Amino acid sequence: MTRKWGLVCAFVAALGTSAYGADAPGVTATEVKIGGIFPFSGPASSIGLVGRGILAYVQSINDRGGINGRKINYIAYDDAYSPPKAVEHARKLVESDEVAFMFSQLGTPGNTAVAKYLSSRRVPTIGIVSGSNKFTNVADFPLTTTSLVSYDIEGKIYAKFLTKSLPNSKYAILYQNDDLGKDYVNAFKALLKGDFEKKVVAIPYEVTEPTIDSQVVNLKSTGADALLVAGTPKFAAQAIRKAHEIGWKATIVLNFPSSSVGATLK
């Protein structure tokens, strides 16, 4: 299913009956309020373009008359990839803006920070843009659905690829030091089991760091023939550039959040 039709299905499911409109906060006979939080600025601003795309598509839906006679009032705030700001905005969306539900909030740190609050307020969180494996736990996140394949599954795909294409090599992982990056490392551990310590060297970075040059240099020094970047576009772009500068001709694998040609490769 394309993202466009996923968006339509989510809206139609939420707005399909007049009874829902009568009972739900943020829904009237003519409008539905929906909330979103994105890193429009900050270290992950390149993937904040997802939010811009959603706003544009919502406008196109409204231009065609909305859904079941209701226009969509999509309210999106910028958390700059900062969990405390995400919490602040979530509270505003629920308590002041009175949205019916959250849709497509982007970022593992932000979604993690607001999850308990939104759950306590019984606010559905639909199609979050995070593949963190924990969000697939229905018992812990009963009102949350994801829009990405879990980073755990994605990581195991990369591990299988590298063990098949470079079976006798060592693998380096540069990972963001949060649930996003750690899921990929844990996926390699699960697949390689006892061979993980012999075949993999993993070094973290913080999103507050200006560069990851030192981590890339250290990873090259291990003799690894492959580099998995498990993070966000800014740092993936830096890693590609630094590897080239120091003559590290490793096979480079980019995780899904960093795979954009425009945001990372160019």
C-alpha atoms as a PDB file:
ATOM      1  CA  MET A   1       0.000   0.000   0.000  1.00  0.00           C
ATOM      2  CA  THR A   2       1.381   3.415  -0.912  1.00  0.00           C
ATOM      3  CA  ARG A   3       1.721   6.121   1.708  1.00  0.00           C
ATOM      4  CA  LYS A   4      -1.008   8.119  -0.072  1.00  0.00           C
ATOM      5  CA  TRP A   5      -3.607   5.374   0.202  1.00  0.00           C
ATOM      6  CA  GLY A   6      -2.481   4.573   3.722  1.00  0.00           C
ATOM      7  CA  LEU A   7      -3.264   8.179   4.644  1.00  0.00           C
ATOM      8  CA  VAL A   8      -6.678   8.001   2.995  1.00  0.00           C
ATOM      9  CA  CYS A   9      -7.555   4.699   4.706  1.00  0.00           C
ATOM     10  CA  ALA A  10      -6.547   6.052   8.109  1.00  0.00           C
ATOM     11  CA  PHE A  11      -8.725   9.127   7.677  1.00  0.00           C
ATOM     12  CA  VAL A  12     -11.684   7.178   6.313  1.00  0.00           C
ATOM     13  CA  ALA A  13     -11.506   4.662   9.168  1.00  0.00           C
ATOM     14  CA  ALA A  14     -11.491   7.482  11.677  1.00  0.00           C
ATOM     15  CA  LEU A  15     -14.257   9.501  10.055  1.00  0.00           C
ATOM     16  CA  GLY A  16     -16.449   6.805   8.583  1.00  0.00           C
ATOM     17  CA  THR A  17     -19.488   7.219  10.855  1.00  0.00           C
ATOM     18  CA  SER A  18     -21.509  10.144  12.104  1.00  0.00           C
ATOM     19  CA  ALA A  19     -21.590   8.567  15.570  1.00  0.00           C
ATOM     20  CA  TYR A  20     -17.829   8.974  15.819  1.00  0.00           C
ATOM     21  CA  GLY A  21     -18.147  12.607  14.874  1.00  0.00           C
ATOM     22  CA  ALA A  22     -20.701  13.166  17.593  1.00  0.00           C
ATOM     23  CA  ASP A  23     -18.661  11.535  20.331  1.00  0.00           C
ATOM     24  CA  ALA A  24     -15.004  12.219  19.579  1.00  0.00           C
ATOM     25  CA  PRO A  25     -12.980  15.285  20.585  1.00  0.00           C
ATOM     26  CA  GLY A  26     -11.804  17.309  17.621  1.00  0.00           C
ATOM     27  CA  VAL A  27     -14.526  16.074  15.269  1.00  0.00           C
ATOM     28  CA  THR A  28     -17.540  18.093  14.151  1.00  0.00           C
ATOM     29  CA  ALA A  29     -19.941  17.703  11.273  1.00  0.00           C
ATOM     30  CA  THR A  30     -17.620  19.777   9.082  1.00  0.00           C
ATOM     31  CA  GLU A  31     -14.090  19.343  10.450  1.00  0.00           C
ATOM     32  CA  VAL A  32     -11.673  16.929  12.082  1.00  0.00           C
ATOM     33  CA  LYS A  33      -8.582  18.075  13.939  1.00  0.00           C
ATOM     34  CA  ILE A  34      -5.533  15.840  13.685  1.00  0.00           C
ATOM     35  CA  GLY A  35      -2.136  16.388  15.286  1.00  0.00           C
ATOM     36  CA  GLY A  36       1.400  15.735  14.124  1.00  0.00           C
ATOM     37  CA  ILE A  37       4.898  16.454  15.451  1.00  0.00           C
ATOM     38  CA  PHE A  38       7.945  16.608  13.177  1.00  0.00           C
ATOM     39  CA  PRO A  39      11.610  17.700  13.248  1.00  0.00           C
ATOM     40  CA  PHE A  40      11.168  20.633  10.893  1.00  0.00           C
ATOM     41  CA  SER A  41      14.394  22.017  12.374  1.00  0.00           C
ATOM     42  CA  GLY A  42      17.350  20.578  14.274  1.00  0.00           C
ATOM     43  CA  PRO A  43      19.703  17.669  13.515  1.00  0.00           C
ATOM     44  CA  ALA A  44      17.030  15.585  11.744  1.00  0.00           C
ATOM     45  CA  SER A  45      15.401  18.384   9.783  1.00  0.00           C
ATOM     46  CA  SER A  46      15.934  16.613   6.461  1.00  0.00           C
ATOM     47  CA  ILE A  47      13.396  13.955   7.408  1.00  0.00           C
ATOM     48  CA  GLY A  48      11.053  16.674   8.636  1.00  0.00           C
ATOM     49  CA  LEU A  49      10.148  16.961   4.956  1.00  0.00           C
ATOM     50  CA  VAL A  50       7.798  14.044   5.616  1.00  0.00           C
ATOM     51  CA  GLY A  51       5.654  16.456   7.610  1.00  0.00           C
ATOM     52  CA  ARG A  52       5.695  18.981   4.778  1.00  0.00           C
ATOM     53  CA  GLY A  53       4.530  16.263   2.425  1.00  0.00           C
ATOM     54  CA  ILE A  54       1.660  15.285   4.713  1.00  0.00           C
ATOM     55  CA  LEU A  55       0.543  18.896   5.023  1.00  0.00           C
ATOM     56  CA  ALA A  56       0.559  19.226   1.240  1.00  0.00           C
ATOM     57  CA  TYR A  57      -1.419  16.030   0.767  1.00  0.00           C
ATOM     58  CA  VAL A  58      -3.957  17.010   3.404  1.00  0.00           C
ATOM     59  CA  GLN A  59      -4.445  20.278   1.527  1.00  0.00           C
ATOM     60  CA  SER A  60      -5.072  18.323  -1.664  1.00  0.00           C
ATOM     61  CA  ILE A  61      -7.725  16.247   0.143  1.00  0.00           C
ATOM     62  CA  ASN A  62      -9.386  19.407   1.418  1.00  0.00           C
ATOM     63  CA  ASP A  63      -9.282  20.943  -2.050  1.00  0.00           C
ATOM     64  CA  ARG A  64     -11.295  17.948  -3.261  1.00  0.00           C
ATOM     65  CA  GLY A  65     -13.922  18.409  -0.570  1.00  0.00           C
ATOM     66  CA  GLY A  66     -12.389  16.545   2.378  1.00  0.00           C
ATOM     67  CA  ILE A  67     -13.591  13.155   3.635  1.00  0.00           C
ATOM     68  CA  ASN A  68     -17.303  12.450   4.133  1.00  0.00           C
ATOM     69  CA  GLY A  69     -17.983  16.175   4.046  1.00  0.00           C
ATOM     70  CA  ARG A  70     -15.373  17.021   6.669  1.00  0.00           C
ATOM     71  CA  LYS A  71     -12.310  19.160   6.036  1.00  0.00           C
ATOM     72  CA  ILE A  72      -9.099  18.057   7.761  1.00  0.00           C
ATOM     73  CA  ASN A  73      -7.463  20.525  10.105  1.00  0.00           C
ATOM     74  CA  TYR A  74      -3.993  19.011  10.397  1.00  0.00           C
ATOM     75  CA  ILE A  75      -1.991  20.800  13.096  1.00  0.00           C
ATOM     76  CA  ALA A  76       1.747  20.115  12.908  1.00  0.00           C
ATOM     77  CA  TYR A  77       4.390  21.358  15.352  1.00  0.00           C
ATOM     78  CA  ASP A  78       8.184  21.362  15.220  1.00  0.00           C
ATOM     79  CA  ASP A  79       9.995  19.498  18.003  1.00  0.00           C
ATOM     80  CA  ALA A  80      13.493  19.915  16.455  1.00  0.00           C
ATOM     81  CA  TYR A  81      14.037  16.201  17.236  1.00  0.00           C
ATOM     82  CA  SER A  82      13.950  17.058  20.944  1.00  0.00           C
ATOM     83  CA  PRO A  83      11.916  14.741  23.228  1.00  0.00           C
ATOM     84  CA  PRO A  84      11.038  17.477  25.777  1.00  0.00           C
ATOM     85  CA  LYS A  85       9.666  19.652  22.978  1.00  0.00           C
ATOM     86  CA  ALA A  86       7.699  16.682  21.647  1.00  0.00           C
ATOM     87  CA  VAL A  87       6.039  16.260  25.056  1.00  0.00           C
ATOM     88  CA  GLU A  88       5.229  19.977  25.210  1.00  0.00           C
ATOM     89  CA  HIS A  89       3.628  19.872  21.767  1.00  0.00           C
ATOM     90  CA  ALA A  90       1.702  16.666  22.473  1.00  0.00           C
ATOM     91  CA  ARG A  91       0.136  18.247  25.533  1.00  0.00           C
ATOM     92  CA  LYS A  92      -0.802  21.322  23.531  1.00  0.00           C
ATOM     93  CA  LEU A  93      -2.338  19.260  20.742  1.00  0.00           C
ATOM     94  CA  VAL A  94      -4.435  17.222  23.167  1.00  0.00           C
ATOM     95  CA  GLU A  95      -5.336  19.782  25.838  1.00  0.00           C
ATOM     96  CA  SER A  96      -5.506  23.043  23.864  1.00  0.00           C
ATOM     97  CA  ASP A  97      -6.059  22.115  20.239  1.00  0.00           C
ATOM     98  CA  GLU A  98      -8.199  19.099  21.215  1.00  0.00           C
ATOM     99  CA  VAL A  99      -7.195  16.890  18.287  1.00  0.00           C
ATOM    100  CA  ALA A 100      -9.110  13.689  17.589  1.00  0.00           C
ATOM    101  CA  PHE A 101      -5.940  11.668  17.158  1.00  0.00           C
ATOM    102  CA  MET A 102      -2.263  11.882  16.251  1.00  0.00           C
ATOM    103  CA  PHE A 103      -1.168  10.922  12.781  1.00  0.00           C
ATOM    104  CA  SER A 104       2.315  10.183  11.456  1.00  0.00           C
ATOM    105  CA  GLN A 105       4.382  11.740  14.242  1.00  0.00           C
ATOM    106  CA  LEU A 106       8.005  11.330  13.149  1.00  0.00           C
ATOM    107  CA  GLY A 107      11.016  10.286  15.198  1.00  0.00           C
ATOM    108  CA  THR A 108      11.756   7.472  17.602  1.00  0.00           C
ATOM    109  CA  PRO A 109      12.904   9.735  20.486  1.00  0.00           C
ATOM    110  CA  GLY A 110       9.833  11.956  20.273  1.00  0.00           C
ATOM    111  CA  ASN A 111       7.361   9.116  19.936  1.00  0.00           C
ATOM    112  CA  THR A 112       8.971   7.382  22.901  1.00  0.00           C
ATOM    113  CA  ALA A 113       8.701  10.529  24.998  1.00  0.00           C
ATOM    114  CA  VAL A 114       5.001  11.116  24.338  1.00  0.00           C
ATOM    115  CA  ALA A 115       3.773   7.511  24.289  1.00  0.00           C
ATOM    116  CA  LYS A 116       2.773   7.203  27.952  1.00  0.00           C
ATOM    117  CA  TYR A 117       1.053  10.586  27.995  1.00  0.00           C
ATOM    118  CA  LEU A 118      -0.989   9.896  24.857  1.00  0.00           C
ATOM    119  CA  SER A 119      -1.894   6.441  26.136  1.00  0.00           C
ATOM    120  CA  SER A 120      -3.060   7.856  29.463  1.00  0.00           C
ATOM    121  CA  ARG A 121      -5.281  10.322  27.591  1.00  0.00           C
ATOM    122  CA  ARG A 122      -6.589   7.533  25.315  1.00  0.00           C
ATOM    123  CA  VAL A 123      -5.457   9.390  22.201  1.00  0.00           C
ATOM    124  CA  PRO A 124      -4.867   7.079  19.207  1.00  0.00           C
ATOM    125  CA  THR A 125      -1.461   7.491  17.565  1.00  0.00           C
ATOM    126  CA  ILE A 126      -1.779   6.288  13.987  1.00  0.00           C
ATOM    127  CA  GLY A 127       0.977   5.532  11.483  1.00  0.00           C
ATOM    128  CA  ILE A 128       3.923   6.862  13.478  1.00  0.00           C
ATOM    129  CA  VAL A 129       7.105   7.251  11.432  1.00  0.00           C
ATOM    130  CA  SER A 130       9.343   5.040  13.522  1.00  0.00           C
ATOM    131  CA  GLY A 131      10.413   1.450  13.086  1.00  0.00           C
ATOM    132  CA  SER A 132      11.434   0.978  16.699  1.00  0.00           C
ATOM    133  CA  ASN A 133      10.679  -2.616  17.574  1.00  0.00           C
ATOM    134  CA  LYS A 134       9.043  -1.726  20.883  1.00  0.00           C
ATOM    135  CA  PHE A 135       6.115   0.004  19.167  1.00  0.00           C
ATOM    136  CA  THR A 136       5.020  -3.348  17.721  1.00  0.00           C
ATOM    137  CA  ASN A 137       4.200  -4.541  21.250  1.00  0.00           C
ATOM    138  CA  VAL A 138       0.416  -4.250  21.321  1.00  0.00           C
ATOM    139  CA  ALA A 139       0.225  -4.837  25.065  1.00  0.00           C
ATOM    140  CA  ASP A 140       2.409  -1.798  25.774  1.00  0.00           C
ATOM    141  CA  PHE A 141       1.160   0.385  22.902  1.00  0.00           C
ATOM    142  CA  PRO A 142      -2.469  -0.613  22.272  1.00  0.00           C
ATOM    143  CA  LEU A 143      -3.436   2.646  20.542  1.00  0.00           C
ATOM    144  CA  THR A 144      -0.322   2.945  18.373  1.00  0.00           C
ATOM    145  CA  THR A 145       0.240   1.780  14.813  1.00  0.00           C
ATOM    146  CA  THR A 146       3.484   2.141  12.874  1.00  0.00           C
ATOM    147  CA  SER A 147       4.075   2.994   9.227  1.00  0.00           C
ATOM    148  CA  LEU A 148       7.542   1.443   8.831  1.00  0.00           C
ATOM    149  CA  VAL A 149       8.917  -2.067   8.902  1.00  0.00           C
ATOM    150  CA  SER A 150      10.539  -2.548  12.301  1.00  0.00           C
ATOM    151  CA  TYR A 151      14.227  -1.685  12.534  1.00  0.00           C
ATOM    152  CA  ASP A 152      14.755  -5.154  13.985  1.00  0.00           C
ATOM    153  CA  ILE A 153      13.495  -6.844  10.815  1.00  0.00           C
ATOM    154  CA  GLU A 154      15.361  -4.358   8.642  1.00  0.00           C
ATOM    155  CA  GLY A 155      18.582  -4.962  10.581  1.00  0.00           C
ATOM    156  CA  LYS A 156      18.294  -8.722  10.175  1.00  0.00           C
ATOM    157  CA  ILE A 157      17.917  -8.252   6.413  1.00  0.00           C
ATOM    158  CA  TYR A 158      21.186  -6.283   6.340  1.00  0.00           C
ATOM    159  CA  ALA A 159      22.923  -8.860   8.518  1.00  0.00           C
ATOM    160  CA  LYS A 160      21.845 -11.665   6.188  1.00  0.00           C
ATOM    161  CA  PHE A 161      22.991  -9.672   3.163  1.00  0.00           C
ATOM    162  CA  LEU A 162      26.448  -9.011   4.599  1.00  0.00           C
ATOM    163  CA  THR A 163      27.022 -12.547   5.834  1.00  0.00           C
ATOM    164  CA  LYS A 164      26.150 -13.811   2.362  1.00  0.00           C
ATOM    165  CA  SER A 165      28.052 -11.225   0.290  1.00  0.00           C
ATOM    166  CA  LEU A 166      31.037 -10.757   2.651  1.00  0.00           C
ATOM    167  CA  PRO A 167      31.085 -13.978   4.710  1.00  0.00           C
ATOM    168  CA  ASN A 168      34.679 -13.714   5.890  1.00  0.00           C
ATOM    169  CA  SER A 169      34.705 -10.007   6.666  1.00  0.00           C
ATOM    170  CA  LYS A 170      34.269  -7.841   9.721  1.00  0.00           C
ATOM    171  CA  TYR A 171      31.318  -5.438   9.825  1.00  0.00           C
ATOM    172  CA  ALA A 172      31.221  -1.957  11.340  1.00  0.00           C
ATOM    173  CA  ILE A 173      28.053  -0.316  12.643  1.00  0.00           C
ATOM    174  CA  LEU A 174      27.770   3.406  13.286  1.00  0.00           C
ATOM    175  CA  TYR A 175      24.555   3.774  15.255  1.00  0.00           C
ATOM    176  CA  GLN A 176      22.495   6.529  16.800  1.00  0.00           C
ATOM    177  CA  ASN A 177      22.561   6.057  20.563  1.00  0.00           C
ATOM    178  CA  ASP A 178      18.837   5.573  21.072  1.00  0.00           C
ATOM    179  CA  ASP A 179      16.190   2.978  20.256  1.00  0.00           C
ATOM    180  CA  LEU A 180      16.570   3.685  16.544  1.00  0.00           C
ATOM    181  CA  GLY A 181      20.226   2.701  16.376  1.00  0.00           C
ATOM    182  CA  LYS A 182      20.198   0.055  19.078  1.00  0.00           C
ATOM    183  CA  ASP A 183      17.512  -1.974  17.292  1.00  0.00           C
ATOM    184  CA  TYR A 184      19.879  -2.520  14.358  1.00  0.00           C
ATOM    185  CA  VAL A 185      22.734  -3.581  16.622  1.00  0.00           C
ATOM    186  CA  ASN A 186      20.456  -5.993  18.458  1.00  0.00           C
ATOM    187  CA  ALA A 187      19.276  -7.408  15.114  1.00  0.00           C
ATOM    188  CA  PHE A 188      22.879  -8.272  14.206  1.00  0.00           C
ATOM    189  CA  LYS A 189      23.352  -9.844  17.635  1.00  0.00           C
ATOM    190  CA  ALA A 190      20.239 -11.972  17.176  1.00  0.00           C
ATOM    191  CA  LEU A 191      21.319 -13.192  13.756  1.00  0.00           C
ATOM    192  CA  LEU A 192      25.039 -13.697  14.350  1.00  0.00           C
ATOM    193  CA  LYS A 193      24.644 -14.971  17.914  1.00  0.00           C
ATOM    194  CA  GLY A 194      28.049 -16.128  19.206  1.00  0.00           C
ATOM    195  CA  ASP A 195      29.881 -14.699  16.200  1.00  0.00           C
ATOM    196  CA  PHE A 196      28.744 -11.140  16.879  1.00  0.00           C
ATOM    197  CA  GLU A 197      31.701 -10.126  19.035  1.00  0.00           C
ATOM    198  CA  LYS A 198      34.180 -11.559  16.502  1.00  0.00           C
ATOM    199  CA  LYS A 199      32.596 -10.097  13.383  1.00  0.00           C
ATOM    200  CA  VAL A 200      31.032  -6.785  14.425  1.00  0.00           C
ATOM    201  CA  VAL A 201      32.312  -3.569  15.939  1.00  0.00           C
ATOM    202  CA  ALA A 202      29.620  -1.022  16.820  1.00  0.00           C
ATOM    203  CA  ILE A 203      30.225   2.581  17.848  1.00  0.00           C
ATOM    204  CA  PRO A 204      27.451   5.007  18.878  1.00  0.00           C
ATOM    205  CA  TYR A 205      26.984   8.721  18.333  1.00  0.00           C
ATOM    206  CA  GLU A 206      24.708  11.271  19.978  1.00  0.00           C
ATOM    207  CA  VAL A 207      22.386  13.465  17.904  1.00  0.00           C
ATOM    208  CA  THR A 208      23.854  16.489  19.697  1.00  0.00           C
ATOM    209  CA  GLU A 209      27.349  15.833  18.297  1.00  0.00           C
ATOM    210  CA  PRO A 210      28.404  18.197  15.491  1.00  0.00           C
ATOM    211  CA  THR A 211      30.239  15.475  13.540  1.00  0.00           C
ATOM    212  CA  ILE A 212      30.933  11.749  13.657  1.00  0.00           C
ATOM    213  CA  ASP A 213      34.374  11.951  12.022  1.00  0.00           C
ATOM    214  CA  SER A 214      36.192  10.349  14.954  1.00  0.00           C
ATOM    215  CA  GLN A 215      33.793   7.411  15.046  1.00  0.00           C
ATOM    216  CA  VAL A 216      34.313   6.734  11.331  1.00  0.00           C
ATOM    217  CA  VAL A 217      38.103   6.869  11.725  1.00  0.00           C
ATOM    218  CA  ASN A 218      37.922   4.444  14.649  1.00  0.00           C
ATOM    219  CA  LEU A 219      35.668   2.069  12.734  1.00  0.00           C
ATOM    220  CA  LYS A 220      38.029   2.048   9.737  1.00  0.00           C
ATOM    221  CA  SER A 221      40.928   1.152  12.036  1.00  0.00           C
ATOM    222  CA  THR A 222      39.204  -2.132  12.946  1.00  0.00           C
ATOM    223  CA  GLY A 223      39.733  -3.461   9.418  1.00  0.00           C
ATOM    224  CA  ALA A 224      36.010  -3.782   8.699  1.00  0.00           C
ATOM    225  CA  ASP A 225      35.038  -4.252   5.050  1.00  0.00           C
ATOM    226  CA  ALA A 226      31.453  -3.064   5.483  1.00  0.00           C
ATOM    227  CA  LEU A 227      29.828  -0.120   7.246  1.00  0.00           C
ATOM    228  CA  LEU A 228      26.185   0.006   8.292  1.00  0.00           C
ATOM    229  CA  VAL A 229      24.965   3.485   9.180  1.00  0.00           C
ATOM    230  CA  ALA A 230      22.021   3.093  11.552  1.00  0.00           C
ATOM    231  CA  GLY A 231      20.957   6.662  12.142  1.00  0.00           C
ATOM    232  CA  THR A 232      19.559   9.784  10.519  1.00  0.00           C
ATOM    233  CA  PRO A 233      20.497  11.545   7.244  1.00  0.00           C
ATOM    234  CA  LYS A 234      22.804  14.277   8.565  1.00  0.00           C
ATOM    235  CA  PHE A 235      25.156  11.756  10.149  1.00  0.00           C
ATOM    236  CA  ALA A 236      24.882   9.262   7.318  1.00  0.00           C
ATOM    237  CA  ALA A 237      25.996  11.955   4.867  1.00  0.00           C
ATOM    238  CA  GLN A 238      28.912  12.836   7.145  1.00  0.00           C
ATOM    239  CA  ALA A 239      29.897   9.164   7.388  1.00  0.00           C
ATOM    240  CA  ILE A 240      29.908   8.688   3.603  1.00  0.00           C
ATOM    241  CA  ARG A 241      32.019  11.800   3.125  1.00  0.00           C
ATOM    242  CA  LYS A 242      34.499  10.954   5.880  1.00  0.00           C
ATOM    243  CA  ALA A 243      34.927   7.370   4.661  1.00  0.00           C
ATOM    244  CA  HIS A 244      35.810   8.736   1.229  1.00  0.00           C
ATOM    245  CA  GLU A 245      38.220  11.304   2.667  1.00  0.00           C
ATOM    246  CA  ILE A 246      40.207   8.691   4.588  1.00  0.00           C
ATOM    247  CA  GLY A 247      40.204   6.199   1.738  1.00  0.00           C
ATOM    248  CA  TRP A 248      37.987   3.612   3.408  1.00  0.00           C
ATOM    249  CA  LYS A 249      36.544   1.597   0.539  1.00  0.00           C
ATOM    250  CA  ALA A 250      33.992  -0.246   2.622  1.00  0.00           C
ATOM    251  CA  THR A 251      30.662  -1.570   1.399  1.00  0.00           C
ATOM    252  CA  ILE A 252      28.295   1.029   2.836  1.00  0.00           C
ATOM    253  CA  VAL A 253      24.761   0.084   3.858  1.00  0.00           C
ATOM    254  CA  LEU A 254      22.312   2.850   4.773  1.00  0.00           C
ATOM    255  CA  ASN A 255      19.286   2.205   6.949  1.00  0.00           C
ATOM    256  CA  PHE A 256      15.871   3.279   5.701  1.00  0.00           C
ATOM    257  CA  PRO A 257      15.723   6.651   7.554  1.00  0.00           C
ATOM    258  CA  SER A 258      18.994   7.672   5.840  1.00  0.00           C
ATOM    259  CA  SER A 259      18.345   6.220   2.399  1.00  0.00           C
ATOM    260  CA  SER A 260      16.973   9.324   0.692  1.00  0.00           C
ATOM    261  CA  VAL A 261      18.959  10.361  -2.374  1.00  0.00           C
ATOM    262  CA  GLY A 262      18.102  14.027  -1.899  1.00  0.00           C
ATOM    263  CA  ALA A 263      18.559  14.188   1.869  1.00  0.00           C
ATOM    264  CA  THR A 264      21.656  11.985   2.213  1.00  0.00           C
ATOM    265  CA  LEU A 265      23.480  10.958  -0.949  1.00  0.00           C
ATOM    266  CA  LYS A 266      23.424  14.261  -2.840  1.00  0.00           C
END
